[in-house]
N, C-alpha and C. Protein backbone atom coordinates (compact mmCIF):
# COMPACT_ATOMS: atom_id res chain seq x y z
N MET A 1 68.58 78.86 1.37
CA MET A 1 67.11 78.34 2.61
C MET A 1 66.59 79.63 2.61
N PRO A 2 65.08 79.11 3.20
CA PRO A 2 64.09 80.67 2.77
C PRO A 2 64.53 81.13 4.92
N GLU A 3 64.25 82.55 4.93
CA GLU A 3 63.91 83.57 6.02
C GLU A 3 63.61 84.03 6.10
N LEU A 4 63.83 84.76 7.24
CA LEU A 4 62.28 85.54 7.92
C LEU A 4 63.56 86.71 8.48
N VAL A 5 63.92 87.94 7.66
CA VAL A 5 64.54 88.63 8.07
C VAL A 5 63.88 89.82 8.40
N PHE A 6 64.29 90.64 9.38
CA PHE A 6 63.70 91.69 10.38
C PHE A 6 65.04 93.12 9.69
N PHE A 7 64.09 94.17 8.76
CA PHE A 7 64.48 94.78 8.97
C PHE A 7 64.39 95.90 9.64
N SER A 8 65.13 96.84 10.37
CA SER A 8 64.50 97.89 11.67
C SER A 8 65.02 98.82 11.30
N GLY A 9 65.15 100.32 11.64
CA GLY A 9 65.29 101.23 11.77
C GLY A 9 64.30 102.27 12.81
N THR A 10 64.97 103.42 13.11
CA THR A 10 63.99 104.81 13.47
C THR A 10 63.04 104.78 11.99
N MET A 11 62.00 105.83 12.58
CA MET A 11 61.16 106.29 11.57
C MET A 11 62.31 107.19 10.70
N ASP A 12 61.43 107.18 9.22
CA ASP A 12 62.44 107.96 8.45
C ASP A 12 63.33 107.57 7.93
N CYS A 13 64.02 106.59 8.17
CA CYS A 13 65.51 105.94 7.73
C CYS A 13 65.08 104.97 6.33
N GLY A 14 63.93 105.13 5.80
CA GLY A 14 63.71 104.26 4.04
C GLY A 14 63.12 103.20 4.35
N LYS A 15 62.33 102.15 5.56
CA LYS A 15 62.18 100.83 5.58
C LYS A 15 61.25 101.02 4.45
N SER A 16 60.03 101.71 4.38
CA SER A 16 59.17 101.61 3.07
C SER A 16 59.48 101.43 1.68
N THR A 17 60.36 102.74 1.75
CA THR A 17 61.06 102.59 0.59
C THR A 17 61.90 101.44 0.23
N LEU A 18 63.02 100.82 0.77
CA LEU A 18 63.25 99.56 0.56
C LEU A 18 62.49 98.77 0.30
N ALA A 19 60.78 98.67 0.89
CA ALA A 19 60.19 97.24 1.15
C ALA A 19 60.13 97.36 -0.44
N LEU A 20 59.45 98.62 -0.68
CA LEU A 20 58.77 98.67 -2.40
C LEU A 20 60.20 98.61 -3.34
N GLN A 21 61.33 99.17 -3.19
CA GLN A 21 62.42 98.68 -4.12
C GLN A 21 62.62 97.05 -4.12
N MET A 22 62.88 96.37 -2.54
CA MET A 22 62.96 94.84 -2.90
C MET A 22 61.19 94.34 -3.81
N GLU A 23 59.96 94.73 -3.63
CA GLU A 23 58.86 94.39 -4.55
C GLU A 23 59.41 94.51 -5.69
N HIS A 24 59.97 95.92 -6.02
CA HIS A 24 60.16 96.45 -7.55
C HIS A 24 61.36 95.65 -8.15
N ASN A 25 62.14 95.11 -7.76
CA ASN A 25 63.21 94.05 -7.97
C ASN A 25 62.95 93.07 -8.43
N ARG A 26 62.05 92.11 -7.37
CA ARG A 26 61.51 90.32 -7.59
C ARG A 26 60.80 90.54 -8.61
N SER A 27 59.74 91.43 -8.97
CA SER A 27 58.47 91.53 -9.66
C SER A 27 59.11 91.48 -11.12
N ALA A 28 59.81 92.48 -11.55
CA ALA A 28 60.81 92.83 -12.46
C ALA A 28 61.57 91.65 -13.03
N ARG A 29 62.14 90.50 -12.20
CA ARG A 29 62.55 89.36 -12.86
C ARG A 29 61.49 88.30 -12.52
N GLY A 30 60.03 88.61 -12.21
CA GLY A 30 58.90 87.88 -12.74
C GLY A 30 58.41 87.03 -11.76
N LEU A 31 59.18 87.21 -10.29
CA LEU A 31 58.20 87.18 -9.18
C LEU A 31 57.49 87.30 -8.52
N THR A 32 56.29 87.13 -7.84
CA THR A 32 55.08 87.83 -7.12
C THR A 32 55.49 87.55 -5.58
N GLY A 33 55.09 88.39 -5.39
CA GLY A 33 55.13 88.21 -3.86
C GLY A 33 53.66 89.08 -3.45
N MET A 34 53.66 88.46 -1.67
CA MET A 34 52.48 89.01 -1.08
C MET A 34 52.54 89.95 0.09
N ILE A 35 52.12 91.25 -0.52
CA ILE A 35 51.93 92.33 0.89
C ILE A 35 51.45 92.67 1.86
N PHE A 36 52.46 92.21 3.02
CA PHE A 36 50.50 92.31 4.03
C PHE A 36 51.58 94.11 4.96
N THR A 37 50.49 94.54 5.04
CA THR A 37 50.96 96.17 6.07
C THR A 37 49.69 96.44 6.94
N ARG A 38 49.88 97.23 8.17
CA ARG A 38 49.03 97.26 8.88
C ARG A 38 49.05 99.11 9.37
N ASP A 39 48.11 99.66 9.04
CA ASP A 39 48.12 101.01 9.58
C ASP A 39 49.13 102.24 8.80
N ASP A 40 49.30 101.62 7.53
CA ASP A 40 49.96 102.65 6.90
C ASP A 40 49.93 104.33 6.49
N ARG A 41 50.60 104.75 6.50
CA ARG A 41 50.17 106.39 6.69
C ARG A 41 49.11 106.50 5.11
N ALA A 42 48.85 106.30 4.36
CA ALA A 42 48.45 106.53 3.02
C ALA A 42 47.37 105.59 2.83
N GLY A 43 46.83 105.50 4.09
CA GLY A 43 45.73 104.58 4.06
C GLY A 43 45.33 103.09 3.94
N GLU A 44 44.12 102.56 4.19
CA GLU A 44 43.99 101.08 4.30
C GLU A 44 44.56 100.14 2.92
N GLY A 45 45.47 99.29 2.86
CA GLY A 45 45.40 98.26 1.96
C GLY A 45 47.03 98.90 1.24
N LYS A 46 47.33 99.61 1.85
CA LYS A 46 48.75 100.93 0.89
C LYS A 46 49.85 100.51 1.98
N LEU A 47 51.08 100.14 1.12
CA LEU A 47 52.32 100.03 1.24
C LEU A 47 53.01 101.74 0.44
N SER A 48 53.25 102.26 1.38
CA SER A 48 53.93 103.53 0.81
C SER A 48 55.08 104.23 1.48
N SER A 49 55.89 105.13 0.33
CA SER A 49 56.73 105.76 0.94
C SER A 49 56.64 107.19 1.19
N ARG A 50 57.47 107.84 2.30
CA ARG A 50 57.75 109.26 2.27
C ARG A 50 58.17 110.03 0.58
N LEU A 51 58.58 109.22 -0.20
CA LEU A 51 58.79 110.04 -1.37
C LEU A 51 57.95 109.89 -2.44
N GLY A 52 56.57 109.44 -1.85
CA GLY A 52 55.84 109.24 -3.02
C GLY A 52 55.61 108.03 -4.02
N LEU A 53 56.03 107.18 -3.45
CA LEU A 53 55.88 105.22 -3.94
C LEU A 53 54.79 104.69 -3.13
N VAL A 54 53.70 104.44 -3.69
CA VAL A 54 52.86 103.73 -3.34
C VAL A 54 52.35 102.08 -3.75
N THR A 55 51.82 101.14 -2.77
CA THR A 55 51.65 100.05 -3.81
C THR A 55 50.31 99.59 -3.19
N ASP A 56 49.84 98.64 -3.75
CA ASP A 56 48.24 97.61 -2.91
C ASP A 56 48.71 96.67 -2.14
N ALA A 57 48.55 96.65 -1.17
CA ALA A 57 48.69 95.43 -0.42
C ALA A 57 47.92 94.87 0.69
N VAL A 58 47.62 93.72 1.73
CA VAL A 58 46.83 93.36 1.99
C VAL A 58 46.79 93.77 3.72
N GLU A 59 45.67 94.57 3.94
CA GLU A 59 45.80 94.79 5.35
C GLU A 59 45.36 93.96 6.59
N VAL A 60 46.06 94.14 7.43
CA VAL A 60 46.52 93.12 8.74
C VAL A 60 45.12 93.54 9.82
N GLU A 61 44.56 92.56 9.92
CA GLU A 61 43.30 93.19 11.09
C GLU A 61 43.92 92.21 12.25
N ASP A 62 43.62 92.48 13.44
CA ASP A 62 43.87 92.08 15.05
C ASP A 62 43.71 90.40 15.14
N GLY A 63 42.65 90.12 13.84
CA GLY A 63 42.55 88.33 14.23
C GLY A 63 42.89 87.84 12.94
N THR A 64 44.06 88.46 12.09
CA THR A 64 44.19 88.07 10.92
C THR A 64 45.48 86.96 10.85
N ASP A 65 44.62 85.92 10.60
CA ASP A 65 45.86 84.57 10.62
C ASP A 65 46.94 85.01 9.72
N LEU A 66 47.66 85.12 9.25
CA LEU A 66 48.81 85.09 8.27
C LEU A 66 49.34 83.72 7.57
N TYR A 67 49.43 83.05 8.32
CA TYR A 67 50.04 81.61 7.51
C TYR A 67 48.91 81.18 6.89
N ALA A 68 47.58 81.42 7.29
CA ALA A 68 46.01 80.85 7.09
C ALA A 68 46.10 81.72 5.79
N TYR A 69 46.02 82.72 5.55
CA TYR A 69 45.92 83.50 4.53
C TYR A 69 46.43 83.18 3.21
N LEU A 70 48.08 82.74 3.55
CA LEU A 70 48.75 82.30 2.54
C LEU A 70 48.41 81.00 2.12
N VAL A 71 48.42 79.83 2.69
CA VAL A 71 47.67 78.98 2.53
C VAL A 71 46.56 78.59 1.77
N ASP A 72 45.50 79.68 1.91
CA ASP A 72 44.23 79.53 1.43
C ASP A 72 44.75 80.60 0.08
N HIS A 73 45.22 81.08 0.44
CA HIS A 73 45.87 82.20 -1.09
C HIS A 73 46.28 81.05 -2.16
N LEU A 74 47.51 80.08 -2.33
CA LEU A 74 47.60 78.97 -2.67
C LEU A 74 46.58 77.93 -3.03
N SER A 75 46.19 77.52 -1.98
CA SER A 75 45.22 76.52 -2.47
C SER A 75 44.01 76.63 -3.49
N GLN A 76 43.55 77.99 -3.19
CA GLN A 76 43.01 78.70 -4.43
C GLN A 76 43.81 78.71 -5.92
N GLY A 77 45.38 78.37 -6.19
CA GLY A 77 45.46 78.57 -7.11
C GLY A 77 46.43 79.99 -7.23
N GLY A 78 46.48 80.60 -6.52
CA GLY A 78 47.22 81.85 -6.13
C GLY A 78 48.75 81.53 -5.94
N ARG A 79 49.62 82.91 -6.47
CA ARG A 79 50.63 82.40 -6.87
C ARG A 79 51.73 83.70 -5.39
N ALA A 80 52.46 82.81 -4.64
CA ALA A 80 53.44 83.65 -3.84
C ALA A 80 54.97 83.34 -3.83
N ASP A 81 55.48 84.04 -4.32
CA ASP A 81 56.97 83.59 -4.16
C ASP A 81 57.80 84.27 -2.83
N TYR A 82 57.25 84.91 -2.15
CA TYR A 82 58.27 85.52 -1.43
C TYR A 82 56.93 86.45 -0.26
N VAL A 83 57.40 87.15 0.84
CA VAL A 83 56.03 87.69 1.25
C VAL A 83 56.70 89.07 2.04
N ILE A 84 56.61 89.93 1.95
CA ILE A 84 56.93 91.31 2.39
C ILE A 84 55.76 91.71 3.62
N ALA A 85 56.21 91.71 4.88
CA ALA A 85 55.60 92.61 5.88
C ALA A 85 55.93 93.83 6.46
N ASP A 86 55.22 94.75 6.04
CA ASP A 86 55.75 96.64 6.00
C ASP A 86 54.73 96.39 7.67
N GLU A 87 55.27 97.90 8.21
CA GLU A 87 54.99 98.53 9.55
C GLU A 87 54.40 97.19 10.54
N ALA A 88 55.96 96.59 10.50
CA ALA A 88 55.37 95.20 11.71
C ALA A 88 55.36 94.97 12.84
N GLN A 89 56.07 96.55 12.99
CA GLN A 89 56.14 96.26 14.77
C GLN A 89 54.31 96.47 14.92
N PHE A 90 53.47 96.24 14.11
CA PHE A 90 52.18 96.67 14.83
C PHE A 90 51.56 95.43 14.53
N LEU A 91 52.06 94.48 13.84
CA LEU A 91 51.66 92.95 13.70
C LEU A 91 51.43 92.27 15.72
N ALA A 92 50.57 91.54 15.49
CA ALA A 92 50.90 90.74 17.16
C ALA A 92 51.92 89.76 17.00
N PRO A 93 52.48 89.02 18.49
CA PRO A 93 53.43 88.31 17.85
C PRO A 93 52.78 86.90 17.42
N ASP A 94 51.48 86.65 17.98
CA ASP A 94 51.15 85.53 17.40
C ASP A 94 51.19 85.62 15.54
N GLN A 95 51.06 86.34 15.55
CA GLN A 95 51.08 86.79 13.50
C GLN A 95 52.46 86.63 13.03
N ILE A 96 53.41 87.18 13.81
CA ILE A 96 55.25 87.35 13.47
C ILE A 96 55.26 85.46 13.99
N ASP A 97 54.30 84.71 14.94
CA ASP A 97 54.48 83.16 14.64
C ASP A 97 54.50 82.81 13.54
N GLN A 98 52.95 83.08 12.95
CA GLN A 98 52.77 82.41 11.63
C GLN A 98 53.63 82.88 10.36
N LEU A 99 54.12 84.04 10.71
CA LEU A 99 55.27 84.65 9.58
C LEU A 99 56.33 83.79 9.52
N ALA A 100 57.10 82.93 10.64
CA ALA A 100 57.81 82.44 10.72
C ALA A 100 57.61 80.69 10.23
N ARG A 101 56.24 80.43 10.40
CA ARG A 101 55.67 79.46 10.26
C ARG A 101 55.79 79.04 8.49
N VAL A 102 55.27 80.71 7.92
CA VAL A 102 54.99 80.59 6.65
C VAL A 102 56.77 79.94 5.81
N VAL A 103 57.58 80.48 6.51
CA VAL A 103 59.48 80.77 6.58
C VAL A 103 59.24 78.98 6.26
N ASP A 104 58.83 78.19 7.39
CA ASP A 104 59.24 76.90 8.02
C ASP A 104 58.65 75.45 6.90
N ASP A 105 57.53 76.19 7.17
CA ASP A 105 56.60 75.42 6.60
C ASP A 105 56.10 75.50 5.43
N LEU A 106 56.47 76.99 4.60
CA LEU A 106 55.82 77.02 3.09
C LEU A 106 57.03 77.15 2.19
N GLY A 107 58.09 77.65 2.73
CA GLY A 107 59.45 77.66 2.44
C GLY A 107 59.19 78.87 1.93
N LEU A 108 58.86 79.92 2.01
CA LEU A 108 59.16 81.31 1.61
C LEU A 108 59.51 82.30 2.32
N ASP A 109 60.66 83.35 1.37
CA ASP A 109 61.06 84.31 2.31
C ASP A 109 60.33 84.85 2.55
N VAL A 110 60.25 85.71 4.26
CA VAL A 110 59.77 86.88 4.18
C VAL A 110 60.56 87.76 5.00
N TYR A 111 59.91 89.02 4.11
CA TYR A 111 61.23 90.52 4.57
C TYR A 111 60.10 90.99 5.88
N ALA A 112 60.15 91.30 6.58
CA ALA A 112 59.24 92.29 7.27
C ALA A 112 60.02 93.75 7.99
N PHE A 113 59.81 94.25 7.33
CA PHE A 113 59.85 96.00 7.60
C PHE A 113 59.74 96.75 8.99
N GLY A 114 60.06 97.29 9.71
CA GLY A 114 59.16 98.04 11.24
C GLY A 114 60.31 98.81 11.82
N ILE A 115 59.85 99.29 12.83
CA ILE A 115 60.63 100.25 14.21
C ILE A 115 60.70 99.37 14.93
N THR A 116 61.51 99.63 15.97
CA THR A 116 61.71 98.26 16.84
C THR A 116 61.12 99.23 18.26
N THR A 117 61.69 100.25 18.71
CA THR A 117 60.88 100.66 19.84
C THR A 117 59.79 101.87 19.67
N ASP A 118 59.16 102.08 20.29
CA ASP A 118 58.12 103.39 20.60
C ASP A 118 57.99 104.63 20.69
N PHE A 119 57.54 105.67 21.47
CA PHE A 119 58.14 106.65 21.70
C PHE A 119 58.65 106.68 22.98
N ARG A 120 58.24 105.89 23.87
CA ARG A 120 58.94 105.51 25.07
C ARG A 120 60.03 104.52 25.17
N SER A 121 60.56 104.85 24.06
CA SER A 121 61.53 103.66 23.97
C SER A 121 61.54 102.44 24.69
N LYS A 122 60.60 101.82 24.55
CA LYS A 122 59.78 100.18 24.86
C LYS A 122 59.70 99.43 23.24
N LEU A 123 59.76 98.18 23.60
CA LEU A 123 59.85 97.67 22.35
C LEU A 123 58.37 97.00 21.82
N PHE A 124 58.19 97.42 20.55
CA PHE A 124 56.86 96.56 20.31
C PHE A 124 56.59 95.71 20.04
N PRO A 125 55.67 94.87 20.85
CA PRO A 125 55.90 93.39 21.03
C PRO A 125 55.90 92.85 19.51
N GLY A 126 55.50 93.17 18.68
CA GLY A 126 55.76 92.30 17.22
C GLY A 126 57.02 92.63 16.86
N SER A 127 57.33 93.75 17.13
CA SER A 127 59.11 93.90 16.78
C SER A 127 59.72 92.85 18.07
N GLN A 128 59.72 93.03 19.11
CA GLN A 128 60.09 92.06 20.38
C GLN A 128 60.15 90.35 20.01
N ARG A 129 59.15 90.32 19.35
CA ARG A 129 58.74 88.62 18.44
C ARG A 129 60.17 88.51 17.11
N LEU A 130 60.00 89.58 16.81
CA LEU A 130 60.83 89.50 15.34
C LEU A 130 62.03 89.40 15.91
N VAL A 131 62.74 90.32 16.93
CA VAL A 131 64.08 89.84 17.21
C VAL A 131 64.69 88.46 17.64
N GLU A 132 63.30 87.85 18.48
CA GLU A 132 63.52 86.84 18.93
C GLU A 132 63.38 85.43 17.98
N LEU A 133 62.79 85.60 16.61
CA LEU A 133 62.74 84.85 15.68
C LEU A 133 63.34 84.74 14.51
N ALA A 134 63.43 86.10 14.18
CA ALA A 134 64.34 86.58 13.05
C ALA A 134 65.52 85.97 12.37
N ASP A 135 65.66 84.95 11.71
CA ASP A 135 66.75 84.22 10.95
C ASP A 135 68.27 85.30 10.91
N ARG A 136 67.78 86.48 10.24
CA ARG A 136 68.96 87.72 10.21
C ARG A 136 68.07 89.14 10.43
N VAL A 137 68.36 89.96 11.32
CA VAL A 137 68.11 91.28 12.10
C VAL A 137 68.98 92.34 11.18
N GLU A 138 68.45 93.19 10.26
CA GLU A 138 69.35 94.10 9.35
C GLU A 138 69.17 95.37 10.22
N VAL A 139 69.81 95.84 10.60
CA VAL A 139 69.60 97.64 10.83
C VAL A 139 69.74 98.41 9.43
N LEU A 140 68.92 98.73 9.32
CA LEU A 140 69.20 99.84 7.97
C LEU A 140 70.44 101.08 7.79
N GLN A 141 70.89 101.46 7.24
CA GLN A 141 71.94 101.89 7.22
C GLN A 141 71.71 103.24 6.58
N VAL A 142 70.78 103.69 6.18
CA VAL A 142 70.29 104.98 5.52
C VAL A 142 69.81 105.78 6.99
N GLU A 143 70.77 106.71 7.73
CA GLU A 143 70.83 107.09 9.01
C GLU A 143 69.44 108.39 9.18
N ALA A 144 68.45 108.37 9.88
CA ALA A 144 67.83 109.36 10.22
C ALA A 144 68.59 110.33 11.12
N LEU A 145 68.53 111.60 11.14
CA LEU A 145 69.14 112.42 11.92
C LEU A 145 68.03 113.55 12.50
N CYS A 146 68.55 113.24 13.98
CA CYS A 146 68.09 114.56 14.73
C CYS A 146 68.10 115.64 14.16
N TRP A 147 67.43 116.97 15.08
CA TRP A 147 67.61 118.04 14.91
C TRP A 147 68.64 118.75 14.92
N CYS A 148 69.95 117.79 15.78
CA CYS A 148 71.12 118.95 16.27
C CYS A 148 71.73 118.73 15.36
N GLY A 149 71.48 117.20 14.06
CA GLY A 149 72.68 117.12 13.34
C GLY A 149 72.83 115.17 14.06
N ALA A 150 72.77 115.16 14.79
CA ALA A 150 73.25 113.58 15.18
C ALA A 150 72.53 113.07 14.72
N ARG A 151 73.16 111.62 14.73
CA ARG A 151 72.36 110.25 14.43
C ARG A 151 71.60 110.19 15.60
N ALA A 152 70.00 109.78 14.40
CA ALA A 152 68.55 109.43 15.29
C ALA A 152 68.62 108.25 15.57
N THR A 153 68.31 107.94 17.03
CA THR A 153 68.36 106.34 17.47
C THR A 153 66.98 106.25 17.90
N HIS A 154 66.36 107.22 18.66
CA HIS A 154 64.69 107.28 19.03
C HIS A 154 63.25 107.91 18.56
N ASN A 155 62.39 107.12 18.61
CA ASN A 155 61.08 108.42 17.82
C ASN A 155 60.40 108.49 18.95
N ALA A 156 60.04 109.76 18.90
CA ALA A 156 59.13 110.93 19.99
C ALA A 156 57.85 111.13 19.41
N ARG A 157 56.69 110.73 20.05
CA ARG A 157 55.49 111.64 19.97
C ARG A 157 55.78 113.11 20.53
N THR A 158 54.77 113.78 19.37
CA THR A 158 54.70 115.43 19.72
C THR A 158 53.45 115.56 19.38
N VAL A 159 52.81 116.89 20.34
CA VAL A 159 51.82 117.71 20.66
C VAL A 159 51.90 118.39 20.25
N GLY A 160 51.07 119.29 19.30
CA GLY A 160 51.93 120.84 19.27
C GLY A 160 53.73 120.92 19.17
N GLY A 161 54.37 119.95 18.57
CA GLY A 161 56.20 120.10 18.68
C GLY A 161 56.37 119.90 20.26
N VAL A 162 55.88 119.37 21.49
CA VAL A 162 56.12 119.23 22.45
C VAL A 162 56.05 117.50 22.69
N MET A 163 57.14 117.37 22.99
CA MET A 163 57.10 115.31 23.39
C MET A 163 56.26 115.10 24.64
N VAL A 164 55.52 114.26 23.83
CA VAL A 164 54.62 113.49 25.28
C VAL A 164 55.28 112.07 25.49
N VAL A 165 54.87 111.66 26.65
CA VAL A 165 56.10 110.20 27.27
C VAL A 165 55.03 109.08 27.79
N GLU A 166 53.18 109.61 27.48
CA GLU A 166 52.17 109.26 27.80
C GLU A 166 51.16 108.65 26.83
N GLY A 167 50.62 107.62 26.72
CA GLY A 167 49.47 108.11 25.94
C GLY A 167 49.66 106.26 25.18
N ALA A 168 48.81 105.66 24.66
CA ALA A 168 48.88 104.72 23.77
C ALA A 168 49.82 104.41 23.04
N GLN A 169 50.18 102.77 22.78
CA GLN A 169 51.22 102.58 21.89
C GLN A 169 51.49 102.68 20.65
N VAL A 170 49.90 102.69 20.16
CA VAL A 170 50.04 102.59 18.75
C VAL A 170 48.80 104.30 18.41
N VAL A 171 49.45 105.13 18.04
CA VAL A 171 49.07 106.21 17.57
C VAL A 171 49.23 106.61 15.92
N VAL A 172 48.56 106.68 15.30
CA VAL A 172 48.73 106.72 13.70
C VAL A 172 48.89 108.23 13.30
N GLY A 173 50.52 108.46 13.04
CA GLY A 173 51.03 109.67 12.58
C GLY A 173 51.98 109.99 11.70
N ASP A 174 52.65 111.05 11.50
CA ASP A 174 53.83 110.84 10.66
C ASP A 174 54.78 111.84 11.14
N VAL A 175 55.87 112.05 10.22
CA VAL A 175 56.92 112.83 11.00
C VAL A 175 56.76 115.00 10.49
N ASN A 176 55.68 114.23 9.33
CA ASN A 176 55.34 115.17 8.56
C ASN A 176 53.73 116.10 8.62
N GLN A 177 53.44 115.95 10.18
CA GLN A 177 52.43 116.06 10.22
C GLN A 177 52.27 117.52 10.44
N SER A 178 51.31 118.33 10.90
CA SER A 178 50.84 119.40 10.94
C SER A 178 51.23 119.86 12.72
N PRO A 179 51.84 120.82 13.32
CA PRO A 179 52.65 121.13 14.38
C PRO A 179 51.49 120.92 15.97
N ASP A 180 49.91 121.22 15.36
CA ASP A 180 49.08 121.30 16.33
C ASP A 180 48.36 119.65 15.72
N GLU A 181 48.89 119.04 15.56
CA GLU A 181 48.21 117.13 15.57
C GLU A 181 49.07 116.83 15.93
N VAL A 182 49.16 115.09 16.19
CA VAL A 182 50.05 114.51 16.83
C VAL A 182 50.61 114.03 15.48
N GLY A 183 51.68 114.31 15.87
CA GLY A 183 53.33 113.47 14.53
C GLY A 183 53.83 112.88 15.55
N TYR A 184 55.26 112.61 14.89
CA TYR A 184 56.74 112.08 15.32
C TYR A 184 57.74 112.96 14.77
N GLU A 185 58.68 112.93 15.41
CA GLU A 185 60.26 113.09 15.22
C GLU A 185 61.58 112.11 15.99
N VAL A 186 61.85 111.67 14.85
CA VAL A 186 63.27 111.45 15.33
C VAL A 186 64.02 111.90 15.84
N LEU A 187 64.41 111.60 16.96
CA LEU A 187 65.69 112.27 18.40
C LEU A 187 66.70 111.38 18.18
N CYS A 188 68.14 111.97 18.79
CA CYS A 188 69.15 111.26 19.08
C CYS A 188 68.95 110.82 20.85
N ARG A 189 69.82 110.16 21.33
CA ARG A 189 69.33 109.68 22.64
C ARG A 189 68.85 110.75 23.55
N ARG A 190 70.43 111.71 23.70
CA ARG A 190 70.27 112.53 24.62
C ARG A 190 69.41 113.64 24.43
N HIS A 191 68.67 114.06 23.32
CA HIS A 191 67.92 114.92 22.86
C HIS A 191 66.36 114.22 23.46
N HIS A 192 66.07 113.15 23.45
CA HIS A 192 64.77 112.58 23.67
C HIS A 192 65.05 112.03 25.32
N ARG A 193 65.48 112.09 25.74
CA ARG A 193 66.13 111.92 27.36
C ARG A 193 66.03 113.46 27.92
N ARG A 194 65.92 114.27 27.15
CA ARG A 194 66.35 115.63 27.27
C ARG A 194 64.15 116.10 27.02
N ARG A 195 63.84 115.68 26.65
CA ARG A 195 62.71 115.65 25.42
C ARG A 195 62.48 116.98 25.00
N THR A 196 64.14 117.25 24.41
CA THR A 196 63.84 118.66 23.66
C THR A 196 63.65 118.04 21.64
N THR A 197 62.94 118.92 21.38
CA THR A 197 62.09 118.47 19.84
C THR A 197 63.25 119.32 19.14
N ALA A 198 62.60 119.68 18.07
CA ALA A 198 63.29 120.77 17.34
C ALA A 198 62.63 122.08 17.81
N ALA A 199 60.97 121.87 17.95
CA ALA A 199 59.96 123.27 18.20
C ALA A 199 60.54 123.58 19.50
N THR A 200 60.62 122.45 20.47
CA THR A 200 60.63 123.29 22.06
C THR A 200 62.36 123.71 21.86
N ALA A 201 63.37 123.13 20.95
CA ALA A 201 64.61 123.81 21.09
C ALA A 201 64.46 125.19 20.45
N ARG A 202 63.78 125.46 19.63
CA ARG A 202 63.99 126.90 18.71
C ARG A 202 63.12 127.52 19.46
N ALA A 203 62.13 127.31 20.63
CA ALA A 203 61.33 128.04 21.08
C ALA A 203 62.80 128.69 22.63
N ALA A 204 63.24 127.38 22.78
CA ALA A 204 64.49 128.10 23.74
C ALA A 204 65.47 129.15 23.63
N ALA A 205 65.70 128.25 22.25
CA ALA A 205 66.92 130.02 21.58
C ALA A 205 66.35 130.96 21.52
N LEU A 206 65.31 131.47 21.19
CA LEU A 206 64.44 132.37 21.00
C LEU A 206 63.92 133.42 22.59
N SER A 207 63.80 132.68 23.69
CA SER A 207 63.40 132.98 24.94
C SER A 207 64.46 133.86 24.93
N PRO A 208 64.19 135.24 25.73
CA PRO A 208 64.44 136.51 26.51
C PRO A 208 65.21 136.20 27.77
N ASP A 209 64.54 134.68 27.82
CA ASP A 209 65.35 134.27 29.48
C ASP A 209 66.99 133.90 28.97
N VAL A 210 67.39 133.55 27.77
CA VAL A 210 68.41 133.08 27.71
C VAL A 210 69.39 133.88 27.17
N LEU A 211 70.03 134.00 28.28
CA LEU A 211 71.59 134.96 28.19
C LEU A 211 72.43 134.54 26.85
N PRO A 212 72.68 135.39 25.96
CA PRO A 212 73.85 135.31 24.77
C PRO A 212 74.92 135.13 25.11
N VAL A 213 75.93 134.18 24.65
CA VAL A 213 77.10 133.41 25.45
C VAL A 213 78.10 134.68 24.23
N ALA A 214 78.96 134.91 25.23
CA ALA A 214 80.10 136.12 24.68
C ALA A 214 81.16 135.56 23.75
N GLY A 215 81.69 136.17 23.05
CA GLY A 215 82.55 135.85 22.60
C GLY A 215 84.15 135.60 22.73
N PRO A 216 85.12 134.94 22.57
CA PRO A 216 86.04 135.18 23.68
C PRO A 216 86.70 137.07 24.05
């Protein structure tokens, strides 16, 4: 039976790499996929990973009806054996409903990839709807690590290396941005709660106000 599957995790845990691998594996078997994405780091109409892999994709806009797009594509003689939707957290809830309809009415597997929560630890509306509708939710097993070495579970937005907790929910950036730009960093829950990024931890360690810990 066709399924709607949501692959989720923090930033930097390999979601887009897995999406590209799934596309490669299926195309190598003669299958043809329809790839949707939104606000990818590589630019409009691209699905990319931090490993440097990239492929073309259909850029989703606010008003894009994903179900209607597939129906039009198929009715014009196009082929689609499955659907991949990357950066699915940026899709609107009704667009997630459209993906579910693709599964139910068109009989196609849909693989959605995205992060679950934003930099404030709040659910993205698209991710919330995926959790509500998906046949399966798969948490990716490639663990991203906090600067302290613990498993990263939260996404933090930074400006100049300092964590911020206010602002628009969607601001496109990356974990490899210049320290002076808006960027993102994955943190464990403890350091997300304390708003301690790698940069602020380093600054605190170098501060003359920090007393050295004497040995035994």
